[in-house]
Protein backbone atom coordinates (compact mmCIF):
# COMPACT_ATOMS: atom_id res chain seq x y z
CA MET A 1 13.74 -11.52 -7.27
CA ALA A 2 13.04 -13.86 -4.38
CA ILE A 3 15.33 -13.71 -1.36
CA TYR A 4 15.19 -16.88 0.74
CA LEU A 5 16.41 -17.16 4.29
CA ASP A 6 18.05 -20.49 3.51
CA GLU A 7 17.77 -23.57 1.34
CA THR A 8 15.26 -25.16 3.72
CA GLN A 9 12.87 -22.26 3.23
CA ARG A 10 13.32 -22.36 -0.53
CA LYS A 11 12.41 -26.07 -0.67
CA SER A 12 9.49 -25.57 1.69
CA LEU A 13 8.06 -22.82 -0.47
CA ALA A 14 8.54 -24.94 -3.58
CA ASP A 15 6.47 -27.67 -1.91
CA MET A 16 3.80 -25.14 -0.90
CA ALA A 17 3.64 -23.83 -4.46
CA GLY A 18 2.62 -27.31 -5.57
CA SER A 19 -0.32 -27.49 -3.20
CA TRP A 20 -3.91 -27.32 -4.45
CA THR A 21 -4.56 -24.05 -2.62
CA TRP A 22 -1.53 -22.34 -4.14
CA ARG A 23 -2.10 -23.74 -7.64
CA THR A 24 -5.79 -22.84 -7.78
CA GLN A 25 -5.42 -19.60 -5.82
CA TRP A 26 -8.97 -20.18 -4.57
CA PRO A 27 -8.59 -17.82 -1.56
CA THR A 28 -7.82 -14.96 -3.95
CA TRP A 29 -10.72 -15.85 -6.24
CA LEU A 30 -12.99 -15.92 -3.20
CA LEU A 31 -11.59 -12.54 -2.17
CA ILE A 32 -12.34 -11.08 -5.61
CA VAL A 33 -15.94 -12.26 -5.46
CA THR A 34 -16.31 -10.98 -1.88
CA ILE A 35 -14.93 -7.50 -2.59
CA TYR A 36 -16.84 -6.95 -5.81
CA GLY A 37 -20.00 -8.47 -4.37
CA GLY A 38 -19.73 -6.44 -1.18
CA TRP A 39 -19.04 -3.21 -3.05
CA ILE A 40 -21.98 -3.69 -5.42
CA GLY A 41 -24.23 -4.80 -2.56
CA VAL A 42 -23.47 -1.71 -0.49
CA ALA A 43 -23.80 0.66 -3.46
CA THR A 44 -27.16 -0.74 -4.56
CA HIS A 45 -28.53 -0.47 -1.02
CA ALA A 46 -27.23 3.06 -0.40
CA ARG A 47 -30.70 4.52 0.14
CA GLU A 48 -31.54 1.96 2.81
CA LEU A 49 -28.16 2.23 4.52
CA GLY A 50 -27.99 6.01 4.42
CA LEU A 51 -25.23 8.10 2.86
CA PRO A 52 -22.85 8.31 5.86
CA LEU A 53 -22.73 4.54 6.46
CA THR A 54 -22.59 3.85 2.72
CA THR A 55 -19.60 6.17 2.35
CA VAL A 56 -17.68 4.53 5.19
CA LEU A 57 -18.42 1.00 3.97
CA LEU A 58 -17.47 1.79 0.37
CA ALA A 59 -14.26 3.49 1.55
CA LEU A 60 -13.34 0.39 3.56
CA LEU A 61 -14.15 -1.85 0.60
CA GLY A 62 -12.14 0.51 -1.60
CA ALA A 63 -9.11 0.12 0.68
CA TRP A 64 -9.59 -3.66 0.58
CA TYR A 65 -9.81 -3.44 -3.20
CA MET A 66 -6.49 -1.58 -3.31
CA SER A 67 -4.97 -4.44 -1.32
CA LEU A 68 -6.39 -6.78 -3.94
CA GLN A 69 -4.88 -4.67 -6.73
CA HIS A 70 -1.53 -5.02 -4.97
CA GLU A 71 -1.97 -8.79 -5.04
CA LEU A 72 -2.95 -8.74 -8.71
CA LEU A 73 0.10 -6.78 -9.84
CA HIS A 74 2.36 -9.32 -8.13
CA GLY A 75 1.00 -12.10 -10.29
CA HIS A 76 -2.02 -13.47 -8.44
CA PRO A 77 -4.42 -15.16 -8.98
CA THR A 78 -3.32 -15.90 -12.56
CA ARG A 79 0.03 -15.97 -14.33
CA TRP A 80 -1.30 -13.68 -17.08
CA PRO A 81 -0.78 -9.94 -16.40
CA LEU A 82 -3.59 -8.93 -18.77
CA VAL A 83 -6.14 -11.08 -16.91
CA ASN A 84 -4.99 -9.70 -13.57
CA ALA A 85 -5.15 -6.17 -14.97
CA LEU A 86 -8.75 -6.70 -16.07
CA LEU A 87 -9.61 -7.95 -12.59
CA GLY A 88 -8.15 -4.77 -11.08
CA PHE A 89 -9.25 -2.27 -13.72
CA ALA A 90 -12.49 -1.03 -12.12
CA PRO A 91 -12.02 2.38 -10.43
CA LEU A 92 -13.65 1.32 -7.17
CA ALA A 93 -11.07 3.33 -5.21
CA VAL A 94 -11.36 6.27 -7.66
CA TRP A 95 -7.95 7.86 -7.94
CA PHE A 96 -5.26 5.78 -9.65
CA PRO A 97 -5.30 3.66 -12.82
CA TYR A 98 -4.26 0.09 -12.12
CA GLY A 99 -1.51 0.16 -14.76
CA VAL A 100 0.06 3.34 -13.37
CA TYR A 101 -0.02 1.91 -9.85
CA ARG A 102 1.51 -1.34 -11.07
CA GLU A 103 4.43 0.41 -12.74
CA SER A 104 5.10 2.65 -9.75
CA HIS A 105 4.85 -0.12 -7.19
CA LEU A 106 7.19 -2.50 -9.02
CA GLN A 107 9.73 0.33 -9.08
CA HIS A 108 9.29 0.59 -5.31
CA HIS A 109 10.47 -3.02 -5.05
CA ASP A 110 14.00 -1.95 -5.95
CA ASP A 111 14.99 -2.64 -2.33
CA PRO A 112 18.49 -1.06 -2.30
CA HIS A 113 16.78 2.28 -3.01
CA LEU A 114 13.93 1.97 -0.51
CA THR A 115 13.04 5.34 1.09
CA VAL A 116 15.50 7.21 -1.16
CA PRO A 117 13.77 10.36 -2.44
CA GLU A 118 13.30 10.45 -6.22
CA ARG A 119 14.32 6.78 -6.47
CA ASP A 120 11.57 5.19 -4.40
CA PRO A 121 8.17 6.40 -5.69
CA GLU A 122 6.53 5.44 -2.38
CA SER A 123 9.01 7.24 -0.15
CA TYR A 124 7.68 9.63 2.49
CA PHE A 125 10.98 11.50 2.58
CA VAL A 126 12.14 14.37 0.41
CA ALA A 127 15.58 15.32 -0.84
CA TYR A 128 17.47 18.05 0.99
CA ALA A 129 17.31 20.32 -2.06
CA THR A 130 13.51 19.91 -2.20
CA TRP A 131 13.24 20.75 1.49
CA MET A 132 15.35 23.89 1.06
CA ARG A 133 13.21 25.08 -1.87
CA ALA A 134 9.98 24.57 0.08
CA GLY A 135 8.45 27.39 2.05
CA ALA A 136 7.46 27.22 5.68
CA PRO A 137 3.84 26.08 5.01
CA ILE A 138 4.96 23.15 2.83
CA ARG A 139 7.62 22.16 5.36
CA ALA A 140 4.98 22.15 8.09
CA LEU A 141 2.71 19.97 5.96
CA LEU A 142 5.54 17.54 5.14
CA THR A 143 6.33 17.24 8.84
CA PHE A 144 2.65 16.76 9.72
CA ARG A 145 2.43 14.06 7.03
CA ASN A 146 4.96 12.05 9.04
CA THR A 147 2.58 11.88 11.99
CA PHE A 148 -0.04 9.16 12.20
CA PHE A 149 -3.04 11.46 11.83
CA GLY A 150 -1.21 13.55 9.27
CA ARG A 151 -0.68 10.47 7.11
CA LEU A 152 -4.42 9.76 7.21
CA LEU A 153 -5.60 13.34 6.74
CA ILE A 154 -3.20 14.85 4.20
CA GLY A 155 -1.16 11.84 3.06
CA PRO A 156 -3.70 10.96 0.34
CA ALA A 157 -3.65 14.56 -0.96
CA PHE A 158 0.13 14.40 -1.35
CA ALA A 159 -0.16 11.04 -3.15
CA ILE A 160 -2.80 12.34 -5.54
CA ALA A 161 -0.83 15.50 -6.27
CA ALA A 162 2.45 13.61 -6.78
CA THR A 163 0.81 11.13 -9.16
CA GLY A 164 -0.80 13.94 -11.14
CA VAL A 165 2.43 15.91 -11.38
CA THR A 166 4.33 12.81 -12.51
CA ALA A 167 1.74 12.10 -15.19
CA LEU A 168 1.84 15.67 -16.51
CA ASN A 169 5.65 15.76 -16.49
CA LYS A 170 5.76 12.58 -18.56
CA ILE A 171 3.46 14.12 -21.15
CA ARG A 172 5.41 17.37 -21.10
CA HIS A 173 8.60 15.44 -21.90
CA GLY A 174 6.97 13.57 -24.76
CA ASP A 175 6.26 10.32 -22.93
CA GLY A 176 2.67 9.42 -23.70
CA ARG A 177 2.76 5.74 -22.77
CA ASP A 178 0.50 6.23 -19.76
CA VAL A 179 -2.07 8.36 -21.58
CA PRO A 180 -4.24 5.41 -22.76
CA MET A 181 -4.36 4.07 -19.18
CA TRP A 182 -5.45 7.44 -17.84
CA LEU A 183 -8.09 7.89 -20.57
CA ALA A 184 -9.51 4.42 -19.96
CA HIS A 185 -9.51 5.05 -16.22
CA PHE A 186 -11.32 8.38 -16.53
CA ALA A 187 -13.86 6.88 -18.93
CA ALA A 188 -14.62 4.02 -16.53
CA LEU A 189 -14.71 6.44 -13.61
CA GLY A 190 -17.18 8.67 -15.45
CA VAL A 191 -19.50 5.76 -16.21
CA LEU A 192 -19.32 4.43 -12.65
CA THR A 193 -19.92 7.87 -11.14
CA PHE A 194 -22.94 8.40 -13.38
CA VAL A 195 -24.44 5.03 -12.45
CA LEU A 196 -23.87 5.58 -8.74
CA GLN A 197 -25.53 8.99 -8.83
CA SER A 198 -28.47 8.16 -11.12
CA VAL A 199 -29.23 4.61 -9.98
CA CYS A 200 -27.90 4.33 -6.41
CA GLY A 201 -28.40 7.88 -5.21
CA ILE A 202 -24.73 8.42 -4.34
CA PRO A 203 -23.68 11.96 -5.37
CA ALA A 204 -20.58 12.23 -7.51
CA TRP A 205 -18.76 14.35 -4.94
CA VAL A 206 -19.44 11.78 -2.21
CA PHE A 207 -17.97 9.01 -4.36
CA VAL A 208 -14.92 10.93 -5.53
CA ILE A 209 -14.08 12.67 -2.26
CA GLY A 210 -15.74 10.65 0.49
CA VAL A 211 -15.20 7.15 -0.87
CA GLY A 212 -12.03 7.74 -2.91
CA TYR A 213 -10.18 9.87 -0.38
CA GLY A 214 -11.47 7.71 2.47
CA ALA A 215 -10.13 4.55 0.82
CA LEU A 216 -6.69 6.12 0.48
CA SER A 217 -6.86 7.25 4.10
CA PHE A 218 -7.67 3.75 5.35
CA GLY A 219 -4.84 2.40 3.21
CA SER A 220 -2.48 4.96 4.75
CA VAL A 221 -2.70 3.13 8.07
CA ARG A 222 -0.64 0.32 6.55
CA SER A 223 1.92 2.58 4.92
CA PHE A 224 2.68 4.52 8.09
CA GLN A 225 6.30 3.74 9.08
CA GLU A 226 6.25 0.83 6.68
CA HIS A 227 9.82 1.75 5.81
CA ARG A 228 12.53 3.62 7.71
CA THR A 229 15.95 4.86 6.68
CA ALA A 230 18.84 2.56 7.61
CA HIS A 231 22.27 1.62 6.28
CA GLU A 232 21.29 -1.94 5.35
CA HIS A 233 18.28 -2.02 3.07
CA GLU A 234 17.01 -5.17 4.82
CA HIS A 235 16.58 -3.07 7.96
CA ARG A 236 14.35 -0.53 6.19
CA THR A 237 11.20 -2.66 6.05
CA VAL A 238 8.88 -3.29 8.98
CA ILE A 239 7.32 -6.41 10.43
CA ASN A 240 3.99 -5.43 11.95
CA GLU A 241 2.25 -8.12 14.01
CA ALA A 242 -1.14 -6.55 13.48
CA ALA A 243 -4.55 -7.78 14.64
CA TRP A 244 -6.54 -10.13 12.41
CA TYR A 245 -8.86 -7.44 10.99
CA TRP A 246 -5.91 -5.33 9.82
CA ARG A 247 -4.24 -8.42 8.39
CA LEU A 248 -7.41 -9.17 6.42
CA LEU A 249 -7.84 -5.60 5.20
CA PHE A 250 -4.21 -5.38 4.10
CA LEU A 251 -3.94 -9.02 2.99
CA ASN A 252 -1.04 -9.79 5.34
CA ASN A 253 1.06 -7.04 3.78
CA ASN A 254 1.81 -5.96 7.35
CA TYR A 255 4.48 -8.69 7.24
CA HIS A 256 6.12 -6.30 4.87
CA LEU A 257 9.69 -7.54 4.99
CA VAL A 258 8.50 -11.03 4.09
CA HIS A 259 6.62 -9.59 1.14
CA HIS A 260 9.62 -7.61 -0.08
CA ASP A 261 11.85 -10.67 0.18
CA LEU A 262 9.29 -12.99 -1.42
CA PRO A 263 6.95 -10.90 -3.60
CA HIS A 264 5.75 -14.02 -5.42
CA VAL A 265 4.24 -15.53 -2.26
CA PRO A 266 0.43 -15.05 -2.26
CA TRP A 267 -1.23 -13.17 0.56
CA PHE A 268 -2.79 -16.22 2.16
CA ALA A 269 0.64 -17.83 2.67
CA LEU A 270 2.54 -14.84 4.08
CA ARG A 271 1.52 -15.33 7.70
CA HIS A 272 2.59 -18.98 7.67
CA VAL A 273 5.93 -18.11 6.05
CA TYR A 274 6.54 -15.44 8.69
CA GLU A 275 5.54 -17.54 11.70
CA THR A 276 7.64 -20.48 10.50
CA SER A 277 10.77 -18.30 10.52
CA ARG A 278 9.75 -15.50 12.88
CA GLN A 279 13.04 -15.08 14.74
CA GLN A 280 15.06 -15.10 11.54
CA TYR A 281 12.92 -12.36 10.04
CA ILE A 282 13.16 -10.25 13.19
CA GLU A 283 16.93 -10.49 13.00
CA ARG A 284 16.93 -9.80 9.27
CA SER A 285 14.86 -6.63 9.84
CA GLY A 286 17.36 -5.31 12.36
CA GLY A 287 14.68 -5.59 15.04
CA PHE A 288 12.20 -3.43 13.14
CA LEU A 289 9.20 -5.13 14.74
CA VAL A 290 6.02 -3.51 16.04
CA GLU A 291 2.97 -4.95 17.79
CA GLY A 292 0.14 -3.58 15.68
CA TYR A 293 -0.90 -0.22 14.28
CA SER A 294 -2.15 0.97 17.67
CA GLU A 295 1.53 1.14 18.62
CA TRP A 296 2.14 3.74 15.93
CA LEU A 297 -1.02 5.61 16.91
CA ARG A 298 0.05 5.77 20.55
CA LEU A 299 3.57 6.93 19.76
CA TYR A 300 3.04 9.18 16.77
CA ALA A 301 -0.55 10.45 16.77
CA PHE A 302 0.70 14.03 16.35
CA ALA A 303 4.48 13.50 16.63
CA ALA A 304 6.54 13.04 13.46
CA VAL A 305 8.03 9.59 13.22
CA ALA A 306 11.05 11.03 11.39
CA HIS A 307 12.18 14.28 9.83
CA PRO A 308 10.95 14.53 6.23
CA VAL A 309 14.49 14.96 4.87
CA ALA A 310 16.40 11.74 4.28
CA ARG A 311 19.98 11.32 3.16
CA THR A 312 20.53 9.20 0.10
CA GLY A 313 22.87 6.50 -1.09
CA SER A 314 25.61 5.45 1.32
CA ASP A 315 24.62 8.32 3.63
CA HIS A 316 21.40 6.62 4.75
CA VAL A 317 21.03 7.33 8.45
CA ARG A 318 20.16 4.66 10.94
CA GLU A 319 17.32 5.85 13.13
CA SER A 320 16.81 4.69 16.69
CA PRO A 321 13.47 2.84 16.88
CA PRO A 322 11.09 3.80 19.70
CA ALA A 323 11.57 2.03 22.99
CA SER A 324 8.44 -0.05 22.45
CA VAL A 325 9.78 -1.61 19.27
CA ARG A 326 11.18 -4.97 20.25
CA PHE A 327 14.56 -6.31 19.20
CA ALA A 328 15.69 -9.81 18.37
CA GLY A 329 16.89 -11.61 21.44
CA LYS A 330 14.72 -9.50 23.78
CA ASN A 331 11.37 -11.19 23.23
């Protein structure tokens, strides 16, 4: 559901939706060609590039591809979910079937439950009962995961494990709806891995671990402190005024509050929407504004941004943002 700041914004977006760029979605089509073309180009030249550079480039392209998948599941570039699903089906980032990711992410858009453990599938917090059941090693890992480097190093492992456990629990409880998606994903992954190893000279383990895990790690930069706990759910989502290369890699999803309010707005319009109403969005976020991902790196390289345990429901705690996070009226 779209949440507009006011009637003026609603009319402005309606006018933008009628533009040639928005109707044709040509920036997204160009993006699709660029990502697929770049990925294939790097893979087929792996021997010339060398394995280390190939791995890094494919991981970056994999992270970019995941950003594209995020755009696809929100209804771009076509209005037909099946067409978008076919465009995002290829396992270029290895780990998660597009359909499973789509279902999980749309559940995440239930904004009143953002960050709530067991309600928000993308929460980096755990319920108090889960924390109490965990042993000291798991508690240490959960705390480390809430540091910047921890999110990059072990965050993907937690995501992979959680997705696998969820899939197995569904099957155990007689819910086999996701099984065809997983089987199709593994089949495509097997074919792609075979081709990469036999034709391009990229070992299977390099693709699965180096490229796949690396893509998730690059993507974890965006998700670090993307949401915080707060009483008002509008205050739980960040606005990150990141540099152009991060904006391109994450397709402007750094303006995350704007995306949560207006999930139907395509990536190429998000920056304009934000800049047109910048002060209003800062106020709406409760001042949850940061100047780029280097800010998080500087503050939380090895310091946990928040304790892993979060209260739920009406007991959501309001955290004090770091001193460097700017507030409305103080810019």
